[in-house]
Amino acid sequence: TKFNDSDINAGFLELRNESLDKAICTFNMILKGNKENLQAYKGRGIAYCLLGDWKKAIDDLSFAINKGFEIEDLRKFRAIAYSAVG
């Protein structure tokens, strides 16, 4: 299945509505179809951070940042996750 911007938007809407598990499922489906979708890594990483799943948050946010997806919010969320794990 090919996912598009409306699928990404749906994932971020779920994230904003604090339906974090649904958001993660949506981003997982997007990544299953496109392993390089940096928006999906961003969204899933933020959701993991909000759930306190620090290791997964760091992995996803670092992947997006290392691929050149430079958004200051990503670094902030990643810093929160790093400080939580010590």
Protein backbone atom coordinates (compact mmCIF):
# COMPACT_ATOMS: atom_id res chain seq x y z
CA THR A 1 0.00 0.00 0.00
CA LYS A 2 1.27 3.44 -0.92
CA PHE A 3 0.93 6.08 1.78
CA ASN A 4 0.72 9.79 1.09
CA ASP A 5 0.61 13.15 2.85
CA SER A 6 -2.93 12.61 4.09
CA ASP A 7 -1.75 9.48 5.93
CA ILE A 8 1.07 11.48 7.55
CA ASN A 9 -1.44 14.19 8.46
CA ALA A 10 -3.72 11.55 10.02
CA GLY A 11 -0.82 10.30 12.13
CA PHE A 12 -0.01 13.80 13.35
CA LEU A 13 -3.70 14.45 14.08
CA GLU A 14 -3.75 11.32 16.24
CA LEU A 15 -0.58 12.59 17.93
CA ARG A 16 -2.16 16.00 18.63
CA ASN A 17 -5.28 14.27 20.00
CA GLU A 18 -3.03 12.23 22.31
CA SER A 19 -4.05 8.96 20.66
CA LEU A 20 -0.43 7.92 20.89
CA ASP A 21 -0.86 4.19 20.25
CA LYS A 22 -2.98 4.91 17.16
CA ALA A 23 -0.40 7.42 15.95
CA ILE A 24 2.39 4.87 16.36
CA CYS A 25 0.35 2.29 14.41
CA THR A 26 -0.24 4.80 11.60
CA PHE A 27 3.44 5.75 11.43
CA ASN A 28 4.42 2.04 11.54
CA MET A 29 2.16 1.32 8.53
CA ILE A 30 3.70 4.23 6.64
CA LEU A 31 7.22 3.03 7.45
CA LYS A 32 6.34 -0.51 6.41
CA GLY A 33 5.68 0.88 2.93
CA ASN A 34 8.50 3.41 2.93
CA LYS A 35 11.44 2.84 5.30
CA GLU A 36 12.85 6.30 4.48
CA ASN A 37 9.80 8.44 5.39
CA LEU A 38 11.40 10.96 7.74
CA GLN A 39 8.04 12.52 8.68
CA ALA A 40 6.90 9.13 9.99
CA TYR A 41 10.10 8.71 12.01
CA LYS A 42 9.58 12.20 13.44
CA GLY A 43 5.97 11.49 14.42
CA ARG A 44 6.67 8.06 15.84
CA GLY A 45 9.69 9.36 17.74
CA ILE A 46 7.64 12.13 19.32
CA ALA A 47 4.89 9.65 20.24
CA TYR A 48 7.44 7.32 21.85
CA CYS A 49 8.87 10.29 23.76
CA LEU A 50 5.43 11.26 25.06
CA LEU A 51 4.88 7.65 26.16
CA GLY A 52 8.21 7.58 27.96
CA ASP A 53 9.66 4.92 25.65
CA TRP A 54 12.97 6.76 25.61
CA LYS A 55 15.16 4.27 23.69
CA LYS A 56 12.72 4.02 20.78
CA ALA A 57 12.26 7.80 20.80
CA ILE A 58 16.03 8.36 20.61
CA ASP A 59 16.38 5.80 17.80
CA ASP A 60 13.63 7.33 15.64
CA LEU A 61 14.54 10.96 16.26
CA SER A 62 18.24 10.28 15.69
CA PHE A 63 17.45 8.49 12.42
CA ALA A 64 15.50 11.50 11.15
CA ILE A 65 18.13 14.00 12.34
CA ASN A 66 21.03 11.98 10.90
CA LYS A 67 19.26 11.83 7.53
CA GLY A 68 19.24 15.61 7.47
CA PHE A 69 15.73 16.25 8.77
CA GLU A 70 16.68 19.34 10.75
CA ILE A 71 13.87 20.65 12.87
CA GLU A 72 14.69 22.15 16.24
CA ASP A 73 11.74 20.33 17.86
CA LEU A 74 13.35 16.98 17.03
CA ARG A 75 16.48 17.94 18.91
CA LYS A 76 14.39 19.12 21.88
CA PHE A 77 12.43 15.87 22.07
CA ARG A 78 15.64 13.87 21.69
CA ALA A 79 17.30 15.90 24.46
CA ILE A 80 14.36 15.12 26.74
CA ALA A 81 14.71 11.42 25.98
CA TYR A 82 18.49 11.48 26.53
CA SER A 83 18.10 13.25 29.86
CA ALA A 84 15.43 10.75 30.93
CA VAL A 85 17.76 7.79 30.34
CA GLY A 86 20.72 9.56 31.92
